[in-house]
C-alpha atoms as a PDB file:
ATOM      1  CA  MET A   1     -13.425 -19.962  -5.895  1.00  0.00           C
ATOM      2  CA  ASP A   2     -17.107 -19.596  -6.870  1.00  0.00           C
ATOM      3  CA  ASP A   3     -16.771 -15.813  -6.673  1.00  0.00           C
ATOM      4  CA  LEU A   4     -13.674 -15.776  -8.868  1.00  0.00           C
ATOM      5  CA  ARG A   5     -15.325 -18.110 -11.383  1.00  0.00           C
ATOM      6  CA  MET A   6     -18.277 -15.723 -11.501  1.00  0.00           C
ATOM      7  CA  LEU A   7     -15.922 -12.883 -12.446  1.00  0.00           C
ATOM      8  CA  ARG A   8     -14.415 -14.855 -15.308  1.00  0.00           C
ATOM      9  CA  ASP A   9     -17.865 -15.861 -16.519  1.00  0.00           C
ATOM     10  CA  PHE A  10     -18.826 -12.184 -16.627  1.00  0.00           C
ATOM     11  CA  GLY A  11     -15.879 -11.484 -18.907  1.00  0.00           C
ATOM     12  CA  ASP A  12     -16.715 -14.369 -21.226  1.00  0.00           C
ATOM     13  CA  GLU A  13     -20.354 -13.266 -21.369  1.00  0.00           C
ATOM     14  CA  LEU A  14     -19.642  -9.659 -22.335  1.00  0.00           C
ATOM     15  CA  GLU A  15     -17.968  -9.916 -25.734  1.00  0.00           C
ATOM     16  CA  HIS A  16     -19.295  -6.597 -27.041  1.00  0.00           C
ATOM     17  CA  GLU A  17     -21.831  -4.587 -25.047  1.00  0.00           C
ATOM     18  CA  PRO A  18     -23.196  -5.649 -21.650  1.00  0.00           C
ATOM     19  CA  PRO A  19     -26.696  -7.125 -21.627  1.00  0.00           C
ATOM     20  CA  ALA A  20     -29.478  -4.859 -20.385  1.00  0.00           C
ATOM     21  CA  THR A  21     -29.807  -6.761 -17.097  1.00  0.00           C
ATOM     22  CA  LEU A  22     -26.127  -6.309 -16.244  1.00  0.00           C
ATOM     23  CA  ALA A  23     -26.164  -2.662 -17.310  1.00  0.00           C
ATOM     24  CA  GLY A  24     -29.121  -2.115 -15.039  1.00  0.00           C
ATOM     25  CA  ARG A  25     -27.297  -3.770 -12.124  1.00  0.00           C
ATOM     26  CA  ARG A  26     -24.325  -1.509 -12.781  1.00  0.00           C
ATOM     27  CA  ARG A  27     -26.491   1.645 -12.748  1.00  0.00           C
ATOM     28  CA  SER A  28     -28.239   0.497  -9.582  1.00  0.00           C
ATOM     29  CA  PHE A  29     -24.922  -0.163  -7.839  1.00  0.00           C
ATOM     30  CA  MET A  30     -23.389   3.139  -8.929  1.00  0.00           C
ATOM     31  CA  GLU A  31     -26.447   5.061  -7.694  1.00  0.00           C
ATOM     32  CA  ARG A  32     -26.110   3.463  -4.255  1.00  0.00           C
ATOM     33  CA  ARG A  33     -22.392   4.213  -3.922  1.00  0.00           C
ATOM     34  CA  PRO A  34     -21.351   7.292  -1.944  1.00  0.00           C
ATOM     35  CA  ARG A  35     -20.195  10.246  -4.021  1.00  0.00           C
ATOM     36  CA  ARG A  36     -16.410  10.678  -3.998  1.00  0.00           C
ATOM     37  CA  GLY A  37     -14.138  13.316  -5.418  1.00  0.00           C
ATOM     38  CA  PHE A  38     -11.706  10.641  -6.639  1.00  0.00           C
ATOM     39  CA  ARG A  39     -12.927   9.481 -10.038  1.00  0.00           C
ATOM     40  CA  LEU A  40     -12.586   5.735 -10.467  1.00  0.00           C
ATOM     41  CA  GLY A  41     -10.521   5.022 -13.502  1.00  0.00           C
ATOM     42  CA  GLY A  42     -11.856   1.493 -14.114  1.00  0.00           C
ATOM     43  CA  TRP A  43      -9.736  -0.462 -16.614  1.00  0.00           C
ATOM     44  CA  PRO A  44      -9.193   1.862 -19.617  1.00  0.00           C
ATOM     45  CA  MET A  45      -5.714   0.507 -20.238  1.00  0.00           C
ATOM     46  CA  LEU A  46      -7.180  -2.856 -21.226  1.00  0.00           C
ATOM     47  CA  GLY A  47      -9.340  -1.339 -23.949  1.00  0.00           C
ATOM     48  CA  LEU A  48     -12.031  -4.012 -23.554  1.00  0.00           C
ATOM     49  CA  ALA A  49     -15.568  -2.949 -22.725  1.00  0.00           C
ATOM     50  CA  ALA A  50     -16.363  -6.412 -21.461  1.00  0.00           C
ATOM     51  CA  VAL A  51     -13.585  -6.456 -18.900  1.00  0.00           C
ATOM     52  CA  ALA A  52     -14.271  -2.858 -17.910  1.00  0.00           C
ATOM     53  CA  THR A  53     -17.899  -3.606 -17.167  1.00  0.00           C
ATOM     54  CA  ALA A  54     -17.056  -6.798 -15.305  1.00  0.00           C
ATOM     55  CA  ALA A  55     -14.514  -4.970 -13.139  1.00  0.00           C
ATOM     56  CA  ALA A  56     -16.818  -2.040 -12.411  1.00  0.00           C
ATOM     57  CA  VAL A  57     -19.759  -4.236 -11.434  1.00  0.00           C
ATOM     58  CA  ALA A  58     -18.543  -7.607 -10.255  1.00  0.00           C
ATOM     59  CA  VAL A  59     -15.545  -6.691  -8.107  1.00  0.00           C
ATOM     60  CA  PRO A  60     -17.470  -4.567  -5.594  1.00  0.00           C
ATOM     61  CA  MET A  61     -20.312  -7.125  -5.561  1.00  0.00           C
ATOM     62  CA  VAL A  62     -17.893  -9.937  -4.786  1.00  0.00           C
ATOM     63  CA  VAL A  63     -16.004  -8.202  -2.000  1.00  0.00           C
ATOM     64  CA  LEU A  64     -19.182  -6.875  -0.422  1.00  0.00           C
ATOM     65  CA  LYS A  65     -20.846 -10.282  -0.444  1.00  0.00           C
ATOM     66  CA  GLY A  66     -19.460 -11.013   3.030  1.00  0.00           C
ATOM     67  CA  GLY A  67     -20.202  -7.534   4.393  1.00  0.00           C
ATOM     68  CA  ASP A  68     -18.306  -4.265   4.519  1.00  0.00           C
ATOM     69  CA  GLN A  69     -16.478  -4.765   7.813  1.00  0.00           C
ATOM     70  CA  LEU A  70     -12.796  -5.540   8.150  1.00  0.00           C
ATOM     71  CA  THR A  71     -11.865  -8.341  10.508  1.00  0.00           C
ATOM     72  CA  ALA A  72      -8.283  -7.545  11.548  1.00  0.00           C
ATOM     73  CA  GLY A  73      -8.966  -4.339  13.499  1.00  0.00           C
ATOM     74  CA  THR A  74      -9.406  -0.579  13.217  1.00  0.00           C
ATOM     75  CA  VAL A  75      -7.917   2.559  14.749  1.00  0.00           C
ATOM     76  CA  ALA A  76      -9.252   6.092  15.210  1.00  0.00           C
ATOM     77  CA  PRO A  77      -7.635   9.000  13.315  1.00  0.00           C
ATOM     78  CA  PRO A  78      -5.232  11.304  15.184  1.00  0.00           C
ATOM     79  CA  ALA A  79      -6.814  13.769  17.606  1.00  0.00           C
ATOM     80  CA  GLY A  80      -6.075  17.465  17.894  1.00  0.00           C
ATOM     81  CA  ALA A  81      -4.813  19.852  15.246  1.00  0.00           C
ATOM     82  CA  ARG A  82      -4.298  18.277  11.831  1.00  0.00           C
ATOM     83  CA  PRO A  83      -3.409  19.568   8.357  1.00  0.00           C
ATOM     84  CA  ALA A  84      -6.366  21.020   6.482  1.00  0.00           C
ATOM     85  CA  LYS A  85      -8.102  18.890   3.876  1.00  0.00           C
ATOM     86  CA  SER A  86      -7.690  20.469   0.454  1.00  0.00           C
ATOM     87  CA  GLY A  87      -9.754  19.311  -2.513  1.00  0.00           C
ATOM     88  CA  GLN A  88     -11.068  15.833  -3.246  1.00  0.00           C
ATOM     89  CA  ALA A  89      -7.805  13.906  -3.631  1.00  0.00           C
ATOM     90  CA  ILE A  90      -7.278  10.912  -1.330  1.00  0.00           C
ATOM     91  CA  ASN A  91      -4.106  10.299   0.686  1.00  0.00           C
ATOM     92  CA  VAL A  92      -3.549   6.853   2.190  1.00  0.00           C
ATOM     93  CA  LEU A  93      -0.759   5.876   4.594  1.00  0.00           C
ATOM     94  CA  LEU A  94       0.513   2.319   4.025  1.00  0.00           C
ATOM     95  CA  VAL A  95       2.570   0.770   6.829  1.00  0.00           C
ATOM     96  CA  GLY A  96       4.298  -2.601   6.824  1.00  0.00           C
ATOM     97  CA  SER A  97       4.926  -3.830  10.374  1.00  0.00           C
ATOM     98  CA  ASP A  98       7.680  -6.182  11.523  1.00  0.00           C
ATOM     99  CA  THR A  99       5.718  -7.262  14.610  1.00  0.00           C
ATOM    100  CA  ARG A 100       6.223 -10.827  15.825  1.00  0.00           C
ATOM    101  CA  GLU A 101       2.843 -10.998  17.537  1.00  0.00           C
ATOM    102  CA  GLY A 102       0.782 -14.031  16.649  1.00  0.00           C
ATOM    103  CA  GLU A 103       1.888 -17.522  15.726  1.00  0.00           C
ATOM    104  CA  ALA A 104       2.167 -16.729  12.012  1.00  0.00           C
ATOM    105  CA  ASN A 105       4.667 -13.912  12.694  1.00  0.00           C
ATOM    106  CA  ALA A 106       6.564 -15.538  15.562  1.00  0.00           C
ATOM    107  CA  LYS A 107       8.296 -17.964  13.201  1.00  0.00           C
ATOM    108  CA  TYR A 108      10.358 -15.103  11.767  1.00  0.00           C
ATOM    109  CA  GLY A 109      12.306 -14.909  15.022  1.00  0.00           C
ATOM    110  CA  PRO A 110      12.732 -12.150  17.615  1.00  0.00           C
ATOM    111  CA  ILE A 111      13.251  -8.563  16.568  1.00  0.00           C
ATOM    112  CA  GLN A 112      16.920  -7.638  16.598  1.00  0.00           C
ATOM    113  CA  SER A 113      16.950  -4.141  18.042  1.00  0.00           C
ATOM    114  CA  ARG A 114      19.109  -2.154  20.439  1.00  0.00           C
ATOM    115  CA  THR A 115      15.927  -0.691  21.901  1.00  0.00           C
ATOM    116  CA  GLY A 116      14.086  -3.987  22.295  1.00  0.00           C
ATOM    117  CA  ALA A 117      11.180  -2.565  20.277  1.00  0.00           C
ATOM    118  CA  GLY A 118       8.149  -4.802  20.023  1.00  0.00           C
ATOM    119  CA  ALA A 119       7.156  -3.617  16.538  1.00  0.00           C
ATOM    120  CA  ARG A 120       8.578  -1.178  14.046  1.00  0.00           C
ATOM    121  CA  ALA A 121       7.451   0.161  10.693  1.00  0.00           C
ATOM    122  CA  ASP A 122       9.358  -1.892   8.154  1.00  0.00           C
ATOM    123  CA  THR A 123       7.884   0.076   5.232  1.00  0.00           C
ATOM    124  CA  ILE A 124       6.081   3.446   5.169  1.00  0.00           C
ATOM    125  CA  ILE A 125       4.428   4.689   1.975  1.00  0.00           C
ATOM    126  CA  LEU A 126       2.292   7.775   1.397  1.00  0.00           C
ATOM    127  CA  LEU A 127      -0.092   7.013  -1.472  1.00  0.00           C
ATOM    128  CA  HIS A 128      -1.661  10.033  -3.192  1.00  0.00           C
ATOM    129  CA  LEU A 129      -4.668   9.495  -5.485  1.00  0.00           C
ATOM    130  CA  SER A 130      -5.426  12.579  -7.561  1.00  0.00           C
ATOM    131  CA  ALA A 131      -8.948  13.981  -7.560  1.00  0.00           C
ATOM    132  CA  ASP A 132      -9.304  13.470 -11.313  1.00  0.00           C
ATOM    133  CA  GLY A 133      -8.335   9.811 -11.051  1.00  0.00           C
ATOM    134  CA  ARG A 134      -5.526  10.121 -13.577  1.00  0.00           C
ATOM    135  CA  SER A 135      -2.501   9.621 -11.331  1.00  0.00           C
ATOM    136  CA  ALA A 136      -1.465   7.676  -8.247  1.00  0.00           C
ATOM    137  CA  ASP A 137       1.828   8.546  -6.569  1.00  0.00           C
ATOM    138  CA  ALA A 138       3.355   6.200  -4.002  1.00  0.00           C
ATOM    139  CA  VAL A 139       6.068   8.002  -2.027  1.00  0.00           C
ATOM    140  CA  ASN A 140       8.256   5.883   0.230  1.00  0.00           C
ATOM    141  CA  LEU A 141       9.352   7.402   3.534  1.00  0.00           C
ATOM    142  CA  PRO A 142      12.511   5.484   4.504  1.00  0.00           C
ATOM    143  CA  ARG A 143      12.233   3.789   7.880  1.00  0.00           C
ATOM    144  CA  ASP A 144      15.800   4.916   8.740  1.00  0.00           C
ATOM    145  CA  SER A 145      14.825   8.586   8.464  1.00  0.00           C
ATOM    146  CA  MET A 146      15.662  10.603  11.569  1.00  0.00           C
ATOM    147  CA  ALA A 147      12.856  13.015  12.386  1.00  0.00           C
ATOM    148  CA  GLU A 148      11.358  15.065  15.206  1.00  0.00           C
ATOM    149  CA  LEU A 149       8.550  12.743  16.248  1.00  0.00           C
ATOM    150  CA  PRO A 150       5.642  14.062  18.337  1.00  0.00           C
ATOM    151  CA  SER A 151       4.824  12.606  21.734  1.00  0.00           C
ATOM    152  CA  CYS A 152       2.187   9.960  21.265  1.00  0.00           C
ATOM    153  CA  ALA A 153       0.316   7.431  23.430  1.00  0.00           C
ATOM    154  CA  GLY A 154       2.391   8.390  26.448  1.00  0.00           C
ATOM    155  CA  ALA A 155       5.711   7.963  24.622  1.00  0.00           C
ATOM    156  CA  PRO A 156       7.955  11.049  24.555  1.00  0.00           C
ATOM    157  CA  GLY A 157       8.717  12.789  21.291  1.00  0.00           C
ATOM    158  CA  GLY A 158      12.081  13.908  20.001  1.00  0.00           C
ATOM    159  CA  GLN A 159      14.699  12.988  17.414  1.00  0.00           C
ATOM    160  CA  ARG A 160      14.130   9.324  16.593  1.00  0.00           C
ATOM    161  CA  MET A 161      13.945   7.062  13.587  1.00  0.00           C
ATOM    162  CA  LEU A 162      10.604   7.263  11.831  1.00  0.00           C
ATOM    163  CA  ASN A 163       9.979   3.536  12.196  1.00  0.00           C
ATOM    164  CA  ALA A 164       9.967   3.907  16.002  1.00  0.00           C
ATOM    165  CA  ALA A 165       6.569   5.619  15.879  1.00  0.00           C
ATOM    166  CA  LEU A 166       4.823   2.276  15.377  1.00  0.00           C
ATOM    167  CA  ASP A 167       6.295   0.854  18.565  1.00  0.00           C
ATOM    168  CA  ALA A 168       5.431   4.045  20.453  1.00  0.00           C
ATOM    169  CA  GLY A 169       1.706   3.818  19.795  1.00  0.00           C
ATOM    170  CA  GLY A 170       0.775   1.713  16.817  1.00  0.00           C
ATOM    171  CA  LEU A 171      -0.641   2.799  13.479  1.00  0.00           C
ATOM    172  CA  ARG A 172      -2.248   5.910  14.925  1.00  0.00           C
ATOM    173  CA  CYS A 173       1.140   7.252  16.064  1.00  0.00           C
ATOM    174  CA  VAL A 174       2.704   6.671  12.649  1.00  0.00           C
ATOM    175  CA  TRP A 175      -0.279   8.469  11.119  1.00  0.00           C
ATOM    176  CA  GLU A 176       0.109  11.427  13.476  1.00  0.00           C
ATOM    177  CA  SER A 177       3.887  11.576  12.953  1.00  0.00           C
ATOM    178  CA  VAL A 178       3.673  11.542   9.156  1.00  0.00           C
ATOM    179  CA  GLU A 179       0.992  14.230   9.119  1.00  0.00           C
ATOM    180  CA  LYS A 180       3.069  16.515  11.344  1.00  0.00           C
ATOM    181  CA  LEU A 181       6.249  15.928   9.348  1.00  0.00           C
ATOM    182  CA  THR A 182       4.726  16.273   5.861  1.00  0.00           C
ATOM    183  CA  LYS A 183       1.866  18.708   6.619  1.00  0.00           C
ATOM    184  CA  VAL A 184      -0.294  16.513   4.369  1.00  0.00           C
ATOM    185  CA  ARG A 185      -3.781  15.514   5.519  1.00  0.00           C
ATOM    186  CA  ILE A 186      -4.024  11.712   5.461  1.00  0.00           C
ATOM    187  CA  ASP A 187      -7.521  10.357   4.845  1.00  0.00           C
ATOM    188  CA  HIS A 188      -6.920   6.688   5.576  1.00  0.00           C
ATOM    189  CA  ALA A 189      -4.224   4.481   7.100  1.00  0.00           C
ATOM    190  CA  VAL A 190      -3.508   0.789   6.546  1.00  0.00           C
ATOM    191  CA  GLU A 191      -1.143  -1.547   8.413  1.00  0.00           C
ATOM    192  CA  VAL A 192      -0.158  -5.065   7.390  1.00  0.00           C
ATOM    193  CA  ASP A 193       2.246  -7.450   9.107  1.00  0.00           C
ATOM    194  CA  PHE A 194       4.465 -10.185   7.652  1.00  0.00           C
ATOM    195  CA  ALA A 195       1.785 -12.881   7.701  1.00  0.00           C
ATOM    196  CA  GLY A 196      -0.774 -10.517   6.187  1.00  0.00           C
ATOM    197  CA  PHE A 197       1.549  -9.535   3.340  1.00  0.00           C
ATOM    198  CA  LYS A 198       2.200 -13.178   2.544  1.00  0.00           C
ATOM    199  CA  THR A 199      -1.545 -13.899   2.529  1.00  0.00           C
ATOM    200  CA  MET A 200      -2.215 -11.037   0.118  1.00  0.00           C
ATOM    201  CA  VAL A 201       0.468 -12.168  -2.339  1.00  0.00           C
ATOM    202  CA  ASP A 202      -0.817 -15.745  -2.230  1.00  0.00           C
ATOM    203  CA  ALA A 203      -4.313 -14.416  -2.958  1.00  0.00           C
ATOM    204  CA  VAL A 204      -2.972 -12.935  -6.195  1.00  0.00           C
ATOM    205  CA  GLY A 205      -1.146 -16.198  -6.974  1.00  0.00           C
ATOM    206  CA  THR A 206       2.442 -15.322  -7.802  1.00  0.00           C
ATOM    207  CA  VAL A 207       4.307 -12.148  -8.729  1.00  0.00           C
ATOM    208  CA  ARG A 208       7.053 -12.083 -11.354  1.00  0.00           C
ATOM    209  CA  VAL A 209      10.355 -10.372 -10.526  1.00  0.00           C
ATOM    210  CA  LYS A 210      13.754 -10.241 -12.175  1.00  0.00           C
ATOM    211  CA  VAL A 211      16.816 -10.951 -10.039  1.00  0.00           C
ATOM    212  CA  ASP A 212      20.026  -9.462 -11.446  1.00  0.00           C
ATOM    213  CA  THR A 213      22.431 -11.293  -9.144  1.00  0.00           C
ATOM    214  CA  PRO A 214      21.905 -14.530  -7.174  1.00  0.00           C
ATOM    215  CA  ILE A 215      20.253 -14.252  -3.755  1.00  0.00           C
ATOM    216  CA  ASP A 216      21.298 -16.450  -0.848  1.00  0.00           C
ATOM    217  CA  ASP A 217      20.165 -14.655   2.279  1.00  0.00           C
ATOM    218  CA  ARG A 218      20.054 -16.552   5.564  1.00  0.00           C
ATOM    219  CA  LYS A 219      18.052 -13.937   7.444  1.00  0.00           C
ATOM    220  CA  SER A 220      15.224 -13.748   4.941  1.00  0.00           C
ATOM    221  CA  LYS A 221      15.584 -17.455   4.123  1.00  0.00           C
ATOM    222  CA  LEU A 222      15.513 -16.712   0.411  1.00  0.00           C
ATOM    223  CA  LYS A 223      17.703 -18.403  -2.176  1.00  0.00           C
ATOM    224  CA  LEU A 224      17.223 -17.586  -5.856  1.00  0.00           C
ATOM    225  CA  PRO A 225      19.514 -17.787  -8.897  1.00  0.00           C
ATOM    226  CA  ALA A 226      19.749 -14.816 -11.237  1.00  0.00           C
ATOM    227  CA  GLY A 227      16.897 -14.507 -13.711  1.00  0.00           C
ATOM    228  CA  GLU A 228      13.125 -14.168 -13.680  1.00  0.00           C
ATOM    229  CA  HIS A 229      11.084 -15.826 -10.946  1.00  0.00           C
ATOM    230  CA  GLU A 230       7.433 -16.236  -9.989  1.00  0.00           C
ATOM    231  CA  LEU A 231       7.382 -15.565  -6.249  1.00  0.00           C
ATOM    232  CA  ASN A 232       4.752 -16.961  -3.912  1.00  0.00           C
ATOM    233  CA  GLY A 233       3.833 -15.243  -0.654  1.00  0.00           C
ATOM    234  CA  GLU A 234       6.677 -16.641   1.458  1.00  0.00           C
ATOM    235  CA  GLN A 235       9.281 -15.921  -1.208  1.00  0.00           C
ATOM    236  CA  ALA A 236       7.863 -12.444  -1.823  1.00  0.00           C
ATOM    237  CA  LEU A 237       8.125 -11.627   1.874  1.00  0.00           C
ATOM    238  CA  GLY A 238      11.778 -12.652   1.876  1.00  0.00           C
ATOM    239  CA  TYR A 239      12.400 -10.596  -1.263  1.00  0.00           C
ATOM    240  CA  VAL A 240      10.934  -7.326   0.039  1.00  0.00           C
ATOM    241  CA  ARG A 241      12.659  -7.814   3.419  1.00  0.00           C
ATOM    242  CA  LEU A 242      16.138  -8.292   1.903  1.00  0.00           C
ATOM    243  CA  ARG A 243      18.574  -5.923   3.552  1.00  0.00           C
ATOM    244  CA  TYR A 244      22.039  -7.442   3.185  1.00  0.00           C
ATOM    245  CA  TYR A 245      21.936  -7.675  -0.596  1.00  0.00           C
ATOM    246  CA  ALA A 246      23.316  -5.440  -3.356  1.00  0.00           C
ATOM    247  CA  ASP A 247      24.763  -2.418  -1.511  1.00  0.00           C
ATOM    248  CA  GLY A 248      22.850  -3.303   1.678  1.00  0.00           C
ATOM    249  CA  SER A 249      21.256   0.144   1.984  1.00  0.00           C
ATOM    250  CA  ASP A 250      17.684   0.912   2.918  1.00  0.00           C
ATOM    251  CA  LEU A 251      17.340   2.895  -0.328  1.00  0.00           C
ATOM    252  CA  SER A 252      18.353  -0.140  -2.364  1.00  0.00           C
ATOM    253  CA  ARG A 253      15.804  -2.188  -0.467  1.00  0.00           C
ATOM    254  CA  ILE A 254      13.125   0.430  -1.165  1.00  0.00           C
ATOM    255  CA  LYS A 255      13.913   0.273  -4.889  1.00  0.00           C
ATOM    256  CA  ARG A 256      13.306  -3.503  -4.856  1.00  0.00           C
ATOM    257  CA  GLN A 257      10.062  -2.986  -2.962  1.00  0.00           C
ATOM    258  CA  HIS A 258       8.892  -0.482  -5.557  1.00  0.00           C
ATOM    259  CA  GLY A 259       9.669  -2.945  -8.336  1.00  0.00           C
ATOM    260  CA  PHE A 260       7.782  -5.705  -6.558  1.00  0.00           C
ATOM    261  CA  LEU A 261       4.715  -3.546  -5.846  1.00  0.00           C
ATOM    262  CA  ALA A 262       4.643  -2.358  -9.461  1.00  0.00           C
ATOM    263  CA  ALA A 263       4.753  -5.990 -10.637  1.00  0.00           C
ATOM    264  CA  MET A 264       1.972  -6.906  -8.212  1.00  0.00           C
ATOM    265  CA  ALA A 265      -0.148  -3.987  -9.455  1.00  0.00           C
ATOM    266  CA  ALA A 266       0.355  -5.219 -13.015  1.00  0.00           C
ATOM    267  CA  GLU A 267      -0.897  -8.664 -11.984  1.00  0.00           C
ATOM    268  CA  VAL A 268      -4.177  -7.365 -10.579  1.00  0.00           C
ATOM    269  CA  ARG A 269      -4.634  -4.918 -13.450  1.00  0.00           C
ATOM    270  CA  SER A 270      -4.574  -7.807 -15.899  1.00  0.00           C
ATOM    271  CA  ASP A 271      -7.215  -9.897 -14.121  1.00  0.00           C
ATOM    272  CA  PRO A 272     -10.299  -8.589 -12.246  1.00  0.00           C
ATOM    273  CA  ALA A 273     -10.517 -11.921 -10.432  1.00  0.00           C
ATOM    274  CA  LYS A 274      -7.091 -11.315  -8.892  1.00  0.00           C
ATOM    275  CA  LEU A 275      -8.153  -7.835  -7.813  1.00  0.00           C
ATOM    276  CA  ALA A 276     -11.213  -9.274  -6.079  1.00  0.00           C
ATOM    277  CA  ALA A 277      -9.093 -11.939  -4.378  1.00  0.00           C
ATOM    278  CA  LEU A 278      -6.568  -9.334  -3.226  1.00  0.00           C
ATOM    279  CA  ILE A 279      -9.224  -7.068  -1.719  1.00  0.00           C
ATOM    280  CA  ARG A 280     -10.911  -9.975   0.029  1.00  0.00           C
ATOM    281  CA  ALA A 281      -7.601 -11.160   1.505  1.00  0.00           C
ATOM    282  CA  ALA A 282      -6.692  -7.620   2.558  1.00  0.00           C
ATOM    283  CA  SER A 283     -10.025  -7.197   4.328  1.00  0.00           C
ATOM    284  CA  GLU A 284      -9.118 -10.131   6.575  1.00  0.00           C
ATOM    285  CA  VAL A 285      -5.525  -9.253   7.459  1.00  0.00           C
ATOM    286  CA  VAL A 286      -5.010  -5.467   7.493  1.00  0.00           C
ATOM    287  CA  THR A 287      -5.591  -2.964  10.268  1.00  0.00           C
ATOM    288  CA  THR A 288      -7.156   0.288   9.048  1.00  0.00           C
ATOM    289  CA  ASP A 289      -8.828   3.422  10.331  1.00  0.00           C
ATOM    290  CA  ASP A 290     -12.448   3.005  11.309  1.00  0.00           C
ATOM    291  CA  GLY A 291     -13.596   4.990   8.252  1.00  0.00           C
ATOM    292  CA  LEU A 292     -12.101   2.565   5.735  1.00  0.00           C
ATOM    293  CA  GLY A 293     -14.337  -0.408   4.959  1.00  0.00           C
ATOM    294  CA  VAL A 294     -14.199  -3.010   2.213  1.00  0.00           C
ATOM    295  CA  SER A 295     -16.186  -0.906  -0.265  1.00  0.00           C
ATOM    296  CA  GLN A 296     -13.840   2.068   0.204  1.00  0.00           C
ATOM    297  CA  MET A 297     -10.863  -0.277  -0.123  1.00  0.00           C
ATOM    298  CA  ALA A 298     -12.323  -1.542  -3.403  1.00  0.00           C
ATOM    299  CA  ASP A 299     -12.726   2.059  -4.605  1.00  0.00           C
ATOM    300  CA  ILE A 300      -9.098   2.831  -3.835  1.00  0.00           C
ATOM    301  CA  ALA A 301      -7.764  -0.387  -5.374  1.00  0.00           C
ATOM    302  CA  ARG A 302      -9.760   0.111  -8.550  1.00  0.00           C
ATOM    303  CA  GLY A 303      -8.725   3.745  -8.681  1.00  0.00           C
ATOM    304  CA  VAL A 304      -5.051   2.794  -8.501  1.00  0.00           C
ATOM    305  CA  SER A 305      -5.621   0.187 -11.207  1.00  0.00           C
ATOM    306  CA  GLY A 306      -7.078   2.832 -13.529  1.00  0.00           C
ATOM    307  CA  ALA A 307      -4.496   5.544 -12.880  1.00  0.00           C
ATOM    308  CA  LYS A 308      -0.905   6.078 -13.930  1.00  0.00           C
ATOM    309  CA  LEU A 309       1.007   4.673 -10.967  1.00  0.00           C
ATOM    310  CA  HIS A 310       4.391   6.188 -10.045  1.00  0.00           C
ATOM    311  CA  PHE A 311       6.757   5.126  -7.265  1.00  0.00           C
ATOM    312  CA  SER A 312       9.274   7.495  -5.715  1.00  0.00           C
ATOM    313  CA  THR A 313      11.166   8.145  -2.489  1.00  0.00           C
ATOM    314  CA  VAL A 314      11.232  11.368  -0.514  1.00  0.00           C
ATOM    315  CA  PRO A 315      14.534  13.167  -1.247  1.00  0.00           C
ATOM    316  CA  VAL A 316      17.030  12.208   1.465  1.00  0.00           C
ATOM    317  CA  GLU A 317      20.644  12.710   2.471  1.00  0.00           C
ATOM    318  CA  PRO A 318      22.893  11.161   5.142  1.00  0.00           C
ATOM    319  CA  HIS A 319      22.186  12.380   8.649  1.00  0.00           C
ATOM    320  CA  PRO A 320      25.082  14.591   9.796  1.00  0.00           C
ATOM    321  CA  GLN A 321      25.340  12.914  13.224  1.00  0.00           C
ATOM    322  CA  ASP A 322      24.955   9.317  12.017  1.00  0.00           C
ATOM    323  CA  ARG A 323      25.976   8.393   8.483  1.00  0.00           C
ATOM    324  CA  HIS A 324      24.028   5.132   8.813  1.00  0.00           C
ATOM    325  CA  ARG A 325      20.791   7.126   9.132  1.00  0.00           C
ATOM    326  CA  LEU A 326      18.980   9.468   6.750  1.00  0.00           C
ATOM    327  CA  GLN A 327      17.315  12.846   6.943  1.00  0.00           C
ATOM    328  CA  TRP A 328      14.869  14.395   4.479  1.00  0.00           C
ATOM    329  CA  LYS A 329      16.627  16.780   2.129  1.00  0.00           C
ATOM    330  CA  GLN A 330      15.271  20.305   2.143  1.00  0.00           C
ATOM    331  CA  PRO A 331      13.838  22.222   0.387  1.00  0.00           C
ATOM    332  CA  GLU A 332      13.188  19.337  -2.022  1.00  0.00           C
ATOM    333  CA  ALA A 333      11.193  17.267   0.469  1.00  0.00           C
ATOM    334  CA  GLY A 334       9.067  20.251   1.440  1.00  0.00           C
ATOM    335  CA  ARG A 335       8.247  20.993  -2.197  1.00  0.00           C
ATOM    336  CA  LEU A 336       7.296  17.360  -2.757  1.00  0.00           C
ATOM    337  CA  PHE A 337       4.830  17.279   0.121  1.00  0.00           C
ATOM    338  CA  GLN A 338       3.403  20.680  -0.841  1.00  0.00           C
ATOM    339  CA  ALA A 339       2.710  19.282  -4.315  1.00  0.00           C
ATOM    340  CA  ILE A 340       0.873  16.358  -2.723  1.00  0.00           C
ATOM    341  CA  ALA A 341      -1.129  18.690  -0.479  1.00  0.00           C
ATOM    342  CA  ASP A 342      -2.050  20.783  -3.540  1.00  0.00           C
ATOM    343  CA  ASP A 343      -2.952  17.664  -5.563  1.00  0.00           C
ATOM    344  CA  GLN A 344      -0.255  18.269  -8.125  1.00  0.00           C
ATOM    345  CA  PRO A 345       0.994  15.117  -9.916  1.00  0.00           C
ATOM    346  CA  ILE A 346       4.517  14.110  -8.991  1.00  0.00           C
ATOM    347  CA  GLY A 347       5.218  11.669 -11.776  1.00  0.00           C
ATOM    348  CA  PRO A 348       8.570   9.983 -12.363  1.00  0.00           C
ATOM    349  CA  LYS A 349      10.683  13.115 -11.885  1.00  0.00           C
ATOM    350  CA  VAL A 350      11.062  12.597  -8.082  1.00  0.00           C
ATOM    351  CA  GLN A 351      13.119   9.438  -7.506  1.00  0.00           C
END
């Protein structure tokens, strides 16, 4: 709480222009930071110099106070041939795991699966941050997508659901699979489980969502009347996990997840203290690649906060051999991923 109070004090202190001492600290910090192609957008949408300076200086100082190492674990990038890196844009793979490992996850019950999988990718998002810092595109890759997965970590490849890659060999296998399928070079990968997601939402406080029809879902243990609600971490987890609600499809579920993530992004955009709390919580609960530390995570989070953020889903269609599964629709999906590889903004036109 002392760190968050310090952030608010910075904002109160900087009513017009930052004092010379703070400006000097900002210059010193910026000179020490590694050069990146992705320009940090800061907080231009707020239009307040005081808040902009506080966010640009205090947030990295706060999250780095305890060091730059993550505590949940790291993985190495895929080995072998990979897509070429083009330009200075940053692509980040975000994976939500349904693992039941650990006491905090075990309470959600055993995984119901015909394959007996120990962990699957509940959510897979490819986040593209443009080199100029003006746009951030989050593209959801439905977990029910059937795809030709590569062999990985001793597990055979072949036609399988995309979410099976996590069980085959963890985050690294999902990373390798998505790169091969999209032909997009992924710079960083992040995995969070149920307990970690809940912790991150609680770090922000609550997130406001609007429920069109009442929710009473036994599996997610969520019961909400229609209307607007402030969801805490446990409620938020139930909300994004909802499957048997509305039309019960994975695409409908993805749409709710996009709405929730957009609302969460709005929360941290409005308060630098919440951004600092979110990054600190994430540093303790997520698994990442070994090149992504807390300072880089702060760069990415602040970059997203300063950019125009768009959510979309890769174009899909029913799989011809199983109408309950999806396949990526071509050539639309190919054009989408080529635009990402070429650092072309996607915007709201791909839904």
